[in-house]
Amino acid sequence: MSAQSPPTSSSSEGPVAKSIKEKLTSLLRPSELTVTNDSWQHRHHAAMRAQGGGNGETHFTVQVVSEEFKGKTTMQRHRMIYSALSDEMSAGLHALSLKTKTSEELRKAEEGRTQS
């Protein structure tokens, strides 16, 4: 079985991806926000097959840097995001992989990589 690559026609963003970006931008006022549709990697899962492959927008990786996370635990940060996206979750969004940092945390992580 050969590994497959993600679809290359990423110029058109789907409605779920757009909604995620809009809601998180409004809630978190991020300095960085990357939303990646990973659904193509999960289309073979039983739940996705049962939905006919889903709508192509079921799994996302979200990387966000925001000062709104300052003083919050990872769990609190994730709850903020899941709460903001509750409509999408109930409408078929199946999974989120979240990477949440403040700008200070990002800076320290980058410094650690350059000093290693």
C-alpha atoms as a PDB file:
ATOM      1  CA  MET A   1       0.000   0.000   0.000  1.00  0.00           C
ATOM      2  CA  SER A   2       1.550   3.315  -1.024  1.00  0.00           C
ATOM      3  CA  ALA A   3       1.382   6.500   1.022  1.00  0.00           C
ATOM      4  CA  GLN A   4      -0.906   9.101  -0.431  1.00  0.00           C
ATOM      5  CA  SER A   5      -0.343  12.822  -0.417  1.00  0.00           C
ATOM      6  CA  PRO A   6      -2.859  15.461   0.583  1.00  0.00           C
ATOM      7  CA  PRO A   7      -4.944  16.973  -2.182  1.00  0.00           C
ATOM      8  CA  THR A   8      -3.007  19.745  -3.894  1.00  0.00           C
ATOM      9  CA  SER A   9      -5.970  21.938  -4.804  1.00  0.00           C
ATOM     10  CA  SER A  10      -5.954  23.816  -1.499  1.00  0.00           C
ATOM     11  CA  SER A  11      -6.758  27.139  -3.166  1.00  0.00           C
ATOM     12  CA  SER A  12     -10.425  26.748  -2.270  1.00  0.00           C
ATOM     13  CA  GLU A  13     -11.052  26.542   1.431  1.00  0.00           C
ATOM     14  CA  GLY A  14     -14.175  24.755   2.583  1.00  0.00           C
ATOM     15  CA  PRO A  15     -16.918  26.273   4.741  1.00  0.00           C
ATOM     16  CA  VAL A  16     -15.792  24.465   7.911  1.00  0.00           C
ATOM     17  CA  ALA A  17     -12.199  25.698   7.585  1.00  0.00           C
ATOM     18  CA  LYS A  18     -13.460  29.242   6.952  1.00  0.00           C
ATOM     19  CA  SER A  19     -15.745  29.061   9.975  1.00  0.00           C
ATOM     20  CA  ILE A  20     -12.920  27.788  12.207  1.00  0.00           C
ATOM     21  CA  LYS A  21     -10.684  30.667  11.107  1.00  0.00           C
ATOM     22  CA  GLU A  22     -13.405  33.286  11.537  1.00  0.00           C
ATOM     23  CA  LYS A  23     -14.501  32.117  14.978  1.00  0.00           C
ATOM     24  CA  LEU A  24     -10.994  31.662  16.377  1.00  0.00           C
ATOM     25  CA  THR A  25      -9.854  34.997  14.969  1.00  0.00           C
ATOM     26  CA  SER A  26     -12.795  36.708  16.644  1.00  0.00           C
ATOM     27  CA  LEU A  27     -12.358  34.892  19.968  1.00  0.00           C
ATOM     28  CA  LEU A  28      -8.572  34.814  20.291  1.00  0.00           C
ATOM     29  CA  ARG A  29      -7.257  37.721  18.188  1.00  0.00           C
ATOM     30  CA  PRO A  30      -4.261  35.505  17.334  1.00  0.00           C
ATOM     31  CA  SER A  31      -0.888  36.739  16.148  1.00  0.00           C
ATOM     32  CA  GLU A  32      -0.629  33.432  14.256  1.00  0.00           C
ATOM     33  CA  LEU A  33      -3.346  31.037  13.132  1.00  0.00           C
ATOM     34  CA  THR A  34      -2.902  28.039  10.866  1.00  0.00           C
ATOM     35  CA  VAL A  35      -5.802  25.720  10.084  1.00  0.00           C
ATOM     36  CA  THR A  36      -4.882  22.575   8.146  1.00  0.00           C
ATOM     37  CA  ASN A  37      -7.485  20.185   6.783  1.00  0.00           C
ATOM     38  CA  ASP A  38      -6.238  16.659   7.559  1.00  0.00           C
ATOM     39  CA  SER A  39      -9.478  14.914   6.581  1.00  0.00           C
ATOM     40  CA  TRP A  40      -7.949  13.155   3.581  1.00  0.00           C
ATOM     41  CA  GLN A  41      -5.801  11.124   5.998  1.00  0.00           C
ATOM     42  CA  HIS A  42      -8.874   9.789   7.830  1.00  0.00           C
ATOM     43  CA  ARG A  43     -11.336   8.987   5.054  1.00  0.00           C
ATOM     44  CA  HIS A  44     -10.779   5.235   5.568  1.00  0.00           C
ATOM     45  CA  HIS A  45     -11.927   5.291   9.227  1.00  0.00           C
ATOM     46  CA  ALA A  46     -15.189   3.458   9.881  1.00  0.00           C
ATOM     47  CA  ALA A  47     -17.030   6.587  11.027  1.00  0.00           C
ATOM     48  CA  MET A  48     -15.990   8.462   7.888  1.00  0.00           C
ATOM     49  CA  ARG A  49     -16.921   5.553   5.590  1.00  0.00           C
ATOM     50  CA  ALA A  50     -20.340   5.422   7.260  1.00  0.00           C
ATOM     51  CA  GLN A  51     -20.816   9.070   6.269  1.00  0.00           C
ATOM     52  CA  GLY A  52     -19.754   8.333   2.710  1.00  0.00           C
ATOM     53  CA  GLY A  53     -16.328   9.764   3.436  1.00  0.00           C
ATOM     54  CA  GLY A  54     -17.686  12.753   5.293  1.00  0.00           C
ATOM     55  CA  ASN A  55     -17.855  16.168   3.684  1.00  0.00           C
ATOM     56  CA  GLY A  56     -14.081  16.380   3.323  1.00  0.00           C
ATOM     57  CA  GLU A  57     -13.882  18.627   6.394  1.00  0.00           C
ATOM     58  CA  THR A  58     -13.852  16.347   9.411  1.00  0.00           C
ATOM     59  CA  HIS A  59     -10.293  16.482  10.812  1.00  0.00           C
ATOM     60  CA  PHE A  60      -8.176  19.612  11.311  1.00  0.00           C
ATOM     61  CA  THR A  61      -4.892  20.647  12.861  1.00  0.00           C
ATOM     62  CA  VAL A  62      -5.087  24.104  14.405  1.00  0.00           C
ATOM     63  CA  GLN A  63      -1.966  25.984  15.437  1.00  0.00           C
ATOM     64  CA  VAL A  64      -2.697  29.243  17.222  1.00  0.00           C
ATOM     65  CA  VAL A  65      -0.611  31.825  19.054  1.00  0.00           C
ATOM     66  CA  SER A  66      -2.647  34.200  21.217  1.00  0.00           C
ATOM     67  CA  GLU A  67      -2.227  36.306  24.313  1.00  0.00           C
ATOM     68  CA  GLU A  68      -5.731  35.137  25.317  1.00  0.00           C
ATOM     69  CA  PHE A  69      -4.006  31.927  26.457  1.00  0.00           C
ATOM     70  CA  LYS A  70      -1.827  33.722  29.010  1.00  0.00           C
ATOM     71  CA  GLY A  71      -2.296  32.184  32.469  1.00  0.00           C
ATOM     72  CA  LYS A  72      -4.454  29.328  31.136  1.00  0.00           C
ATOM     73  CA  THR A  73      -3.650  25.617  31.220  1.00  0.00           C
ATOM     74  CA  THR A  74      -3.609  23.559  28.039  1.00  0.00           C
ATOM     75  CA  MET A  75      -6.969  22.075  29.050  1.00  0.00           C
ATOM     76  CA  GLN A  76      -8.503  25.548  29.501  1.00  0.00           C
ATOM     77  CA  ARG A  77      -7.162  26.656  26.121  1.00  0.00           C
ATOM     78  CA  HIS A  78      -8.580  23.605  24.384  1.00  0.00           C
ATOM     79  CA  ARG A  79     -11.948  24.074  26.089  1.00  0.00           C
ATOM     80  CA  MET A  80     -12.066  27.664  24.789  1.00  0.00           C
ATOM     81  CA  ILE A  81     -11.577  26.407  21.244  1.00  0.00           C
ATOM     82  CA  TYR A  82     -13.978  23.459  21.490  1.00  0.00           C
ATOM     83  CA  SER A  83     -16.619  25.751  22.989  1.00  0.00           C
ATOM     84  CA  ALA A  84     -16.212  28.248  20.149  1.00  0.00           C
ATOM     85  CA  LEU A  85     -16.536  25.445  17.593  1.00  0.00           C
ATOM     86  CA  SER A  86     -19.421  23.562  19.208  1.00  0.00           C
ATOM     87  CA  ASP A  87     -21.719  24.144  16.201  1.00  0.00           C
ATOM     88  CA  GLU A  88     -19.120  22.713  13.837  1.00  0.00           C
ATOM     89  CA  MET A  89     -18.531  19.720  16.111  1.00  0.00           C
ATOM     90  CA  SER A  90     -22.235  18.901  16.208  1.00  0.00           C
ATOM     91  CA  ALA A  91     -22.470  19.293  12.408  1.00  0.00           C
ATOM     92  CA  GLY A  92     -19.790  16.734  11.528  1.00  0.00           C
ATOM     93  CA  LEU A  93     -16.399  18.132  12.548  1.00  0.00           C
ATOM     94  CA  HIS A  94     -14.913  14.981  14.021  1.00  0.00           C
ATOM     95  CA  ALA A  95     -11.476  15.835  15.436  1.00  0.00           C
ATOM     96  CA  LEU A  96      -9.113  18.698  16.165  1.00  0.00           C
ATOM     97  CA  SER A  97      -5.405  18.511  16.825  1.00  0.00           C
ATOM     98  CA  LEU A  98      -4.641  21.689  18.767  1.00  0.00           C
ATOM     99  CA  LYS A  99      -1.329  23.441  19.315  1.00  0.00           C
ATOM    100  CA  THR A 100      -1.902  26.477  21.509  1.00  0.00           C
ATOM    101  CA  LYS A 101       0.776  28.907  22.675  1.00  0.00           C
ATOM    102  CA  THR A 102       1.298  32.476  23.809  1.00  0.00           C
ATOM    103  CA  SER A 103       3.857  34.537  21.907  1.00  0.00           C
ATOM    104  CA  GLU A 104       6.240  34.197  24.874  1.00  0.00           C
ATOM    105  CA  GLU A 105       5.910  30.394  24.842  1.00  0.00           C
ATOM    106  CA  LEU A 106       6.554  30.351  21.102  1.00  0.00           C
ATOM    107  CA  ARG A 107       9.608  32.576  21.489  1.00  0.00           C
ATOM    108  CA  LYS A 108      11.044  30.307  24.219  1.00  0.00           C
ATOM    109  CA  ALA A 109      10.398  27.196  22.127  1.00  0.00           C
ATOM    110  CA  GLU A 110      12.149  28.754  19.129  1.00  0.00           C
ATOM    111  CA  GLU A 111      15.106  29.830  21.299  1.00  0.00           C
ATOM    112  CA  GLY A 112      15.383  26.287  22.646  1.00  0.00           C
ATOM    113  CA  ARG A 113      15.546  24.872  19.128  1.00  0.00           C
ATOM    114  CA  THR A 114      18.275  27.286  18.027  1.00  0.00           C
ATOM    115  CA  GLN A 115      20.395  26.634  21.139  1.00  0.00           C
ATOM    116  CA  SER A 116      20.289  22.826  20.782  1.00  0.00           C
END
